[in-house]
PDB file of N, CA and C in Angstrom:
ATOM      1  N   MET A   1      11.423 -52.701  51.104  1.00  0.00           N
ATOM      2  CA  MET A   1       9.903 -52.330  51.114  1.00  0.00           C
ATOM      3  C   MET A   1       9.574 -51.768  49.672  1.00  0.00           C
ATOM      4  N   ASP A   2      10.540 -51.241  49.023  1.00  0.00           N
ATOM      5  CA  ASP A   2      10.185 -50.531  47.620  1.00  0.00           C
ATOM      6  C   ASP A   2       9.813 -51.844  46.718  1.00  0.00           C
ATOM      7  N   ARG A   3      10.372 -53.015  46.907  1.00  0.00           N
ATOM      8  CA  ARG A   3       9.961 -54.049  45.958  1.00  0.00           C
ATOM      9  C   ARG A   3       8.526 -54.500  46.320  1.00  0.00           C
ATOM     10  N   ILE A   4       8.106 -54.492  47.459  1.00  0.00           N
ATOM     11  CA  ILE A   4       6.848 -54.827  47.958  1.00  0.00           C
ATOM     12  C   ILE A   4       5.781 -53.847  47.326  1.00  0.00           C
ATOM     13  N   GLU A   5       6.021 -52.711  47.376  1.00  0.00           N
ATOM     14  CA  GLU A   5       5.268 -51.560  46.706  1.00  0.00           C
ATOM     15  C   GLU A   5       5.136 -51.805  45.232  1.00  0.00           C
ATOM     16  N   THR A   6       6.294 -52.176  44.626  1.00  0.00           N
ATOM     17  CA  THR A   6       6.239 -52.370  43.229  1.00  0.00           C
ATOM     18  C   THR A   6       5.214 -53.559  42.872  1.00  0.00           C
ATOM     19  N   VAL A   7       5.272 -54.659  43.593  1.00  0.00           N
ATOM     20  CA  VAL A   7       4.446 -55.848  43.399  1.00  0.00           C
ATOM     21  C   VAL A   7       3.006 -55.422  43.717  1.00  0.00           C
ATOM     22  N   LYS A   8       2.625 -54.571  44.736  1.00  0.00           N
ATOM     23  CA  LYS A   8       1.416 -54.266  44.985  1.00  0.00           C
ATOM     24  C   LYS A   8       0.785 -53.497  43.768  1.00  0.00           C
ATOM     25  N   THR A   9       1.573 -52.598  43.029  1.00  0.00           N
ATOM     26  CA  THR A   9       1.031 -51.824  42.023  1.00  0.00           C
ATOM     27  C   THR A   9       0.713 -52.693  40.762  1.00  0.00           C
ATOM     28  N   ARG A  10       1.340 -53.853  40.766  1.00  0.00           N
ATOM     29  CA  ARG A  10       1.100 -54.737  39.548  1.00  0.00           C
ATOM     30  C   ARG A  10       0.015 -55.774  39.803  1.00  0.00           C
ATOM     31  N   VAL A  11      -0.569 -55.873  40.886  1.00  0.00           N
ATOM     32  CA  VAL A  11      -1.653 -56.803  41.017  1.00  0.00           C
ATOM     33  C   VAL A  11      -3.034 -55.860  41.640  1.00  0.00           C
ATOM     34  N   LEU A  12      -3.946 -56.071  40.913  1.00  0.00           N
ATOM     35  CA  LEU A  12      -5.115 -55.304  41.067  1.00  0.00           C
ATOM     36  C   LEU A  12      -6.444 -55.956  41.647  1.00  0.00           C
ATOM     37  N   THR A  13      -7.042 -55.268  42.417  1.00  0.00           N
ATOM     38  CA  THR A  13      -8.335 -55.966  42.940  1.00  0.00           C
ATOM     39  C   THR A  13      -9.527 -55.511  41.739  1.00  0.00           C
ATOM     40  N   VAL A  14     -10.740 -56.081  42.163  1.00  0.00           N
ATOM     41  CA  VAL A  14     -11.856 -55.918  41.261  1.00  0.00           C
ATOM     42  C   VAL A  14     -12.087 -54.472  41.126  1.00  0.00           C
ATOM     43  N   GLN A  15     -12.126 -53.793  42.186  1.00  0.00           N
ATOM     44  CA  GLN A  15     -12.364 -52.240  42.205  1.00  0.00           C
ATOM     45  C   GLN A  15     -11.239 -51.361  41.343  1.00  0.00           C
ATOM     46  N   GLU A  16     -10.069 -51.822  41.659  1.00  0.00           N
ATOM     47  CA  GLU A  16      -8.928 -51.182  40.768  1.00  0.00           C
ATOM     48  C   GLU A  16      -8.986 -51.477  39.317  1.00  0.00           C
ATOM     49  N   VAL A  17      -9.233 -52.782  39.029  1.00  0.00           N
ATOM     50  CA  VAL A  17      -9.353 -53.164  37.650  1.00  0.00           C
ATOM     51  C   VAL A  17     -10.618 -52.361  36.932  1.00  0.00           C
ATOM     52  N   SER A  18     -11.616 -52.295  37.691  1.00  0.00           N
ATOM     53  CA  SER A  18     -12.820 -51.613  37.079  1.00  0.00           C
ATOM     54  C   SER A  18     -12.521 -50.083  36.843  1.00  0.00           C
ATOM     55  N   ARG A  19     -11.763 -49.465  37.742  1.00  0.00           N
ATOM     56  CA  ARG A  19     -11.281 -48.106  37.483  1.00  0.00           C
ATOM     57  C   ARG A  19     -10.379 -48.084  36.359  1.00  0.00           C
ATOM     58  N   TYR A  20      -9.430 -49.082  36.203  1.00  0.00           N
ATOM     59  CA  TYR A  20      -8.375 -49.041  35.081  1.00  0.00           C
ATOM     60  C   TYR A  20      -9.025 -49.200  33.851  1.00  0.00           C
ATOM     61  N   LEU A  21     -10.111 -50.120  33.758  1.00  0.00           N
ATOM     62  CA  LEU A  21     -10.843 -50.327  32.391  1.00  0.00           C
ATOM     63  C   LEU A  21     -11.828 -49.401  32.138  1.00  0.00           C
ATOM     64  N   ARG A  22     -12.257 -48.615  33.188  1.00  0.00           N
ATOM     65  CA  ARG A  22     -13.358 -47.681  33.249  1.00  0.00           C
ATOM     66  C   ARG A  22     -14.642 -48.235  32.852  1.00  0.00           C
ATOM     67  N   VAL A  23     -14.910 -49.302  33.739  1.00  0.00           N
ATOM     68  CA  VAL A  23     -16.271 -50.086  33.656  1.00  0.00           C
ATOM     69  C   VAL A  23     -16.719 -50.239  35.113  1.00  0.00           C
ATOM     70  N   HIS A  24     -17.970 -50.578  35.244  1.00  0.00           N
ATOM     71  CA  HIS A  24     -18.662 -50.743  36.549  1.00  0.00           C
ATOM     72  C   HIS A  24     -18.040 -52.026  37.146  1.00  0.00           C
ATOM     73  N   PRO A  25     -17.845 -52.220  38.370  1.00  0.00           N
ATOM     74  CA  PRO A  25     -17.349 -53.412  39.075  1.00  0.00           C
ATOM     75  C   PRO A  25     -18.232 -54.733  38.601  1.00  0.00           C
ATOM     76  N   SER A  26     -19.597 -54.378  38.475  1.00  0.00           N
ATOM     77  CA  SER A  26     -20.545 -55.524  38.163  1.00  0.00           C
ATOM     78  C   SER A  26     -20.153 -56.023  36.745  1.00  0.00           C
ATOM     79  N   THR A  27     -19.601 -55.309  35.957  1.00  0.00           N
ATOM     80  CA  THR A  27     -19.201 -55.707  34.567  1.00  0.00           C
ATOM     81  C   THR A  27     -17.985 -56.648  34.690  1.00  0.00           C
ATOM     82  N   ILE A  28     -17.077 -56.226  35.672  1.00  0.00           N
ATOM     83  CA  ILE A  28     -16.071 -57.135  35.880  1.00  0.00           C
ATOM     84  C   ILE A  28     -16.358 -58.499  36.400  1.00  0.00           C
ATOM     85  N   TYR A  29     -17.293 -58.557  37.228  1.00  0.00           N
ATOM     86  CA  TYR A  29     -17.805 -59.757  37.831  1.00  0.00           C
ATOM     87  C   TYR A  29     -18.568 -60.637  36.686  1.00  0.00           C
ATOM     88  N   ARG A  30     -19.245 -59.921  35.891  1.00  0.00           N
ATOM     89  CA  ARG A  30     -20.037 -60.604  34.837  1.00  0.00           C
ATOM     90  C   ARG A  30     -18.893 -61.233  33.826  1.00  0.00           C
ATOM     91  N   MET A  31     -17.918 -60.492  33.535  1.00  0.00           N
ATOM     92  CA  MET A  31     -16.934 -61.054  32.495  1.00  0.00           C
ATOM     93  C   MET A  31     -16.103 -62.149  33.263  1.00  0.00           C
ATOM     94  N   LEU A  32     -15.844 -62.081  34.601  1.00  0.00           N
ATOM     95  CA  LEU A  32     -15.214 -63.268  35.328  1.00  0.00           C
ATOM     96  C   LEU A  32     -16.125 -64.505  35.306  1.00  0.00           C
ATOM     97  N   LYS A  33     -17.365 -64.314  35.514  1.00  0.00           N
ATOM     98  CA  LYS A  33     -18.204 -65.558  35.482  1.00  0.00           C
ATOM     99  C   LYS A  33     -18.156 -66.229  34.106  1.00  0.00           C
ATOM    100  N   LYS A  34     -18.004 -65.363  32.895  1.00  0.00           N
ATOM    101  CA  LYS A  34     -17.955 -66.018  31.583  1.00  0.00           C
ATOM    102  C   LYS A  34     -16.512 -66.303  31.241  1.00  0.00           C
ATOM    103  N   ASN A  35     -15.618 -66.314  32.217  1.00  0.00           N
ATOM    104  CA  ASN A  35     -14.145 -66.520  31.792  1.00  0.00           C
ATOM    105  C   ASN A  35     -13.687 -65.703  30.757  1.00  0.00           C
ATOM    106  N   GLN A  36     -14.033 -64.342  30.715  1.00  0.00           N
ATOM    107  CA  GLN A  36     -13.533 -63.402  29.718  1.00  0.00           C
ATOM    108  C   GLN A  36     -12.318 -62.501  30.152  1.00  0.00           C
ATOM    109  N   LEU A  37     -12.003 -62.659  31.362  1.00  0.00           N
ATOM    110  CA  LEU A  37     -10.783 -61.788  31.936  1.00  0.00           C
ATOM    111  C   LEU A  37      -9.788 -62.767  32.458  1.00  0.00           C
ATOM    112  N   PRO A  38      -8.438 -62.397  32.233  1.00  0.00           N
ATOM    113  CA  PRO A  38      -7.487 -63.216  33.017  1.00  0.00           C
ATOM    114  C   PRO A  38      -7.384 -62.762  34.397  1.00  0.00           C
ATOM    115  N   ALA A  39      -7.612 -63.699  35.385  1.00  0.00           N
ATOM    116  CA  ALA A  39      -7.596 -63.438  36.846  1.00  0.00           C
ATOM    117  C   ALA A  39      -7.274 -64.665  37.649  1.00  0.00           C
ATOM    118  N   PHE A  40      -7.098 -64.383  38.782  1.00  0.00           N
ATOM    119  CA  PHE A  40      -6.902 -65.560  39.761  1.00  0.00           C
ATOM    120  C   PHE A  40      -7.583 -65.152  41.030  1.00  0.00           C
ATOM    121  N   ARG A  41      -7.765 -66.210  41.942  1.00  0.00           N
ATOM    122  CA  ARG A  41      -8.405 -65.990  43.166  1.00  0.00           C
ATOM    123  C   ARG A  41      -7.297 -66.108  44.231  1.00  0.00           C
ATOM    124  N   VAL A  42      -7.618 -65.177  45.301  1.00  0.00           N
ATOM    125  CA  VAL A  42      -6.880 -65.301  46.555  1.00  0.00           C
ATOM    126  C   VAL A  42      -7.949 -65.408  47.563  1.00  0.00           C
ATOM    127  N   GLY A  43      -8.198 -66.653  47.999  1.00  0.00           N
ATOM    128  CA  GLY A  43      -9.414 -66.980  48.825  1.00  0.00           C
ATOM    129  C   GLY A  43     -10.590 -66.889  48.030  1.00  0.00           C
ATOM    130  N   SER A  44     -11.459 -65.944  48.516  1.00  0.00           N
ATOM    131  CA  SER A  44     -12.685 -65.620  47.762  1.00  0.00           C
ATOM    132  C   SER A  44     -12.702 -64.460  46.876  1.00  0.00           C
ATOM    133  N   ASP A  45     -11.473 -63.699  46.834  1.00  0.00           N
ATOM    134  CA  ASP A  45     -11.244 -62.431  46.343  1.00  0.00           C
ATOM    135  C   ASP A  45     -10.599 -62.685  44.918  1.00  0.00           C
ATOM    136  N   TRP A  46     -10.927 -61.978  43.835  1.00  0.00           N
ATOM    137  CA  TRP A  46     -10.318 -62.088  42.599  1.00  0.00           C
ATOM    138  C   TRP A  46      -9.253 -60.958  42.489  1.00  0.00           C
ATOM    139  N   ARG A  47      -8.095 -61.376  41.815  1.00  0.00           N
ATOM    140  CA  ARG A  47      -6.982 -60.496  41.653  1.00  0.00           C
ATOM    141  C   ARG A  47      -6.588 -60.531  40.116  1.00  0.00           C
ATOM    142  N   PHE A  48      -6.009 -59.525  39.651  1.00  0.00           N
ATOM    143  CA  PHE A  48      -5.588 -59.294  38.253  1.00  0.00           C
ATOM    144  C   PHE A  48      -4.103 -58.788  38.197  1.00  0.00           C
ATOM    145  N   THR A  49      -3.448 -59.259  37.227  1.00  0.00           N
ATOM    146  CA  THR A  49      -2.119 -58.658  37.084  1.00  0.00           C
ATOM    147  C   THR A  49      -2.178 -57.592  35.941  1.00  0.00           C
ATOM    148  N   VAL A  50      -1.536 -56.490  36.023  1.00  0.00           N
ATOM    149  CA  VAL A  50      -1.627 -55.518  35.106  1.00  0.00           C
ATOM    150  C   VAL A  50      -1.055 -56.000  33.825  1.00  0.00           C
ATOM    151  N   GLU A  51      -0.165 -56.810  33.859  1.00  0.00           N
ATOM    152  CA  GLU A  51       0.462 -57.381  32.565  1.00  0.00           C
ATOM    153  C   GLU A  51      -0.595 -58.156  31.829  1.00  0.00           C
ATOM    154  N   ALA A  52      -1.196 -58.983  32.538  1.00  0.00           N
ATOM    155  CA  ALA A  52      -2.293 -59.993  31.835  1.00  0.00           C
ATOM    156  C   ALA A  52      -3.528 -59.039  31.257  1.00  0.00           C
ATOM    157  N   ILE A  53      -3.876 -58.076  32.124  1.00  0.00           N
ATOM    158  CA  ILE A  53      -4.953 -57.222  31.610  1.00  0.00           C
ATOM    159  C   ILE A  53      -4.570 -56.484  30.254  1.00  0.00           C
ATOM    160  N   ASP A  54      -3.380 -55.898  30.357  1.00  0.00           N
ATOM    161  CA  ASP A  54      -2.975 -55.071  29.287  1.00  0.00           C
ATOM    162  C   ASP A  54      -2.834 -56.054  27.960  1.00  0.00           C
ATOM    163  N   LYS A  55      -2.276 -57.283  28.131  1.00  0.00           N
ATOM    164  CA  LYS A  55      -2.175 -58.260  27.118  1.00  0.00           C
ATOM    165  C   LYS A  55      -3.581 -58.618  26.570  1.00  0.00           C
ATOM    166  N   TRP A  56      -4.548 -58.903  27.429  1.00  0.00           N
ATOM    167  CA  TRP A  56      -5.820 -59.105  27.104  1.00  0.00           C
ATOM    168  C   TRP A  56      -6.470 -58.011  26.299  1.00  0.00           C
ATOM    169  N   ARG A  57      -6.299 -56.796  26.871  1.00  0.00           N
ATOM    170  CA  ARG A  57      -6.792 -55.584  26.132  1.00  0.00           C
ATOM    171  C   ARG A  57      -6.294 -55.363  24.871  1.00  0.00           C
ATOM    172  N   ALA A  58      -4.924 -55.620  24.603  1.00  0.00           N
ATOM    173  CA  ALA A  58      -4.252 -55.430  23.363  1.00  0.00           C
ATOM    174  C   ALA A  58      -4.940 -56.528  22.292  1.00  0.00           C
ATOM    175  N   GLU A  59      -5.131 -57.703  22.811  1.00  0.00           N
ATOM    176  CA  GLU A  59      -5.728 -58.661  21.951  1.00  0.00           C
ATOM    177  C   GLU A  59      -7.134 -58.386  21.518  1.00  0.00           C
ATOM    178  N   ALA A  60      -7.892 -57.862  22.565  1.00  0.00           N
ATOM    179  CA  ALA A  60      -9.382 -57.420  22.290  1.00  0.00           C
ATOM    180  C   ALA A  60      -9.348 -56.325  21.313  1.00  0.00           C
ATOM    181  N   GLU A  61      -8.364 -55.340  21.291  1.00  0.00           N
ATOM    182  CA  GLU A  61      -8.404 -54.266  20.478  1.00  0.00           C
ATOM    183  C   GLU A  61      -8.049 -54.778  19.116  1.00  0.00           C
ATOM    184  N   GLN A  62      -7.303 -55.773  18.930  1.00  0.00           N
ATOM    185  CA  GLN A  62      -6.924 -56.286  17.546  1.00  0.00           C
ATOM    186  C   GLN A  62      -8.105 -57.091  17.081  1.00  0.00           C
ATOM    187  N   GLY A  63      -9.054 -57.363  17.834  1.00  0.00           N
ATOM    188  CA  GLY A  63     -10.110 -58.300  17.473  1.00  0.00           C
ATOM    189  C   GLY A  63      -9.902 -59.795  17.680  1.00  0.00           C
ATOM    190  N   ALA A  64      -8.756 -60.176  18.177  1.00  0.00           N
ATOM    191  CA  ALA A  64      -8.462 -61.502  18.395  1.00  0.00           C
ATOM    192  C   ALA A  64      -9.515 -62.181  19.308  1.00  0.00           C
ATOM    193  N   LEU A  65     -10.061 -61.585  20.270  1.00  0.00           N
ATOM    194  CA  LEU A  65     -10.939 -62.059  21.131  1.00  0.00           C
ATOM    195  C   LEU A  65     -12.460 -62.115  20.657  1.00  0.00           C
ATOM    196  N   GLY A  66     -12.683 -61.294  19.666  1.00  0.00           N
ATOM    197  CA  GLY A  66     -13.941 -61.035  19.060  1.00  0.00           C
ATOM    198  C   GLY A  66     -14.214 -62.010  17.800  1.00  0.00           C
ATOM    199  N   GLN A  67     -13.207 -62.617  17.331  1.00  0.00           N
ATOM    200  CA  GLN A  67     -13.309 -63.471  16.159  1.00  0.00           C
ATOM    201  C   GLN A  67     -14.406 -64.661  16.270  1.00  0.00           C
ATOM    202  N   PRO A  68     -14.325 -65.374  17.381  1.00  0.00           N
ATOM    203  CA  PRO A  68     -15.309 -66.481  17.436  1.00  0.00           C
ATOM    204  C   PRO A  68     -16.710 -65.944  17.377  1.00  0.00           C
ATOM    205  N   ALA A  69     -17.028 -64.835  18.225  1.00  0.00           N
ATOM    206  CA  ALA A  69     -18.376 -64.345  18.093  1.00  0.00           C
ATOM    207  C   ALA A  69     -18.719 -63.784  16.615  1.00  0.00           C
ATOM    208  N   GLU A  70     -17.810 -63.189  15.931  1.00  0.00           N
ATOM    209  CA  GLU A  70     -18.113 -62.714  14.679  1.00  0.00           C
ATOM    210  C   GLU A  70     -18.313 -63.861  13.697  1.00  0.00           C
ATOM    211  N   MET A  71     -17.571 -64.941  13.942  1.00  0.00           N
ATOM    212  CA  MET A  71     -17.669 -66.099  13.012  1.00  0.00           C
ATOM    213  C   MET A  71     -19.106 -66.745  13.286  1.00  0.00           C
ATOM    214  N   GLU A  72     -19.411 -66.757  14.498  1.00  0.00           N
ATOM    215  CA  GLU A  72     -20.891 -67.358  14.942  1.00  0.00           C
ATOM    216  C   GLU A  72     -21.960 -66.495  14.245  1.00  0.00           C
ATOM    217  N   ARG A  73     -21.706 -65.212  14.355  1.00  0.00           N
ATOM    218  CA  ARG A  73     -22.785 -64.223  13.919  1.00  0.00           C
ATOM    219  C   ARG A  73     -22.813 -64.467  12.290  1.00  0.00           C
ATOM    220  N   ALA A  74     -21.696 -64.550  11.601  1.00  0.00           N
ATOM    221  CA  ALA A  74     -21.689 -64.681  10.134  1.00  0.00           C
ATOM    222  C   ALA A  74     -22.292 -66.055   9.757  1.00  0.00           C
ATOM    223  N   GLU A  75     -22.018 -67.093  10.438  1.00  0.00           N
ATOM    224  CA  GLU A  75     -22.720 -68.369  10.237  1.00  0.00           C
ATOM    225  C   GLU A  75     -24.222 -68.318  10.448  1.00  0.00           C
ATOM    226  N   ALA A  76     -24.565 -67.659  11.484  1.00  0.00           N
ATOM    227  CA  ALA A  76     -26.025 -67.483  11.668  1.00  0.00           C
ATOM    228  C   ALA A  76     -26.793 -66.720  10.568  1.00  0.00           C
ATOM    229  N   GLU A  77     -26.114 -65.701  10.114  1.00  0.00           N
ATOM    230  CA  GLU A  77     -26.669 -64.900   9.117  1.00  0.00           C
ATOM    231  C   GLU A  77     -26.654 -65.677   7.827  1.00  0.00           C
ATOM    232  N   GLY A  78     -25.668 -66.512   7.515  1.00  0.00           N
ATOM    233  CA  GLY A  78     -25.663 -67.397   6.323  1.00  0.00           C
ATOM    234  C   GLY A  78     -26.759 -68.479   6.409  1.00  0.00           C
ATOM    235  N   GLN A  79     -27.055 -69.006   7.572  1.00  0.00           N
ATOM    236  CA  GLN A  79     -28.105 -69.957   7.647  1.00  0.00           C
ATOM    237  C   GLN A  79     -29.583 -69.171   7.559  1.00  0.00           C
ATOM    238  N   ALA A  80     -29.596 -68.032   7.992  1.00  0.00           N
ATOM    239  CA  ALA A  80     -30.852 -67.308   7.951  1.00  0.00           C
ATOM    240  C   ALA A  80     -31.174 -67.002   6.521  1.00  0.00           C
ATOM    241  N   SER A  81     -30.161 -66.754   5.745  1.00  0.00           N
ATOM    242  CA  SER A  81     -30.361 -66.305   4.260  1.00  0.00           C
ATOM    243  C   SER A  81     -30.549 -67.557   3.393  1.00  0.00           C
ATOM    244  N   GLY A  82     -30.370 -68.764   3.933  1.00  0.00           N
ATOM    245  CA  GLY A  82     -30.581 -69.995   3.180  1.00  0.00           C
ATOM    246  C   GLY A  82     -29.160 -70.414   2.404  1.00  0.00           C
ATOM    247  N   LYS A  83     -28.076 -69.887   2.804  1.00  0.00           N
ATOM    248  CA  LYS A  83     -26.850 -70.339   2.169  1.00  0.00           C
ATOM    249  C   LYS A  83     -26.284 -71.501   2.786  1.00  0.00           C
TER     250      LYS A  83
END
């Protein structure tokens, strides 16, 4: 039974991941809709692994996930200034 408890603590629901990331559950659903969070479905419910969320968060903190948006913004600014 200890092994089952260990597995349970490594898989989170939307409510649990929203508390873990300290954001509102609607933010989680919005990010899921845009494929911005690593998740999987169990029936109609979303589930998250702590390992995947931690990896995603580390990449986001390093700016790896923000680079495309920054590049698009820089290109848009370049076009607006006539470059």
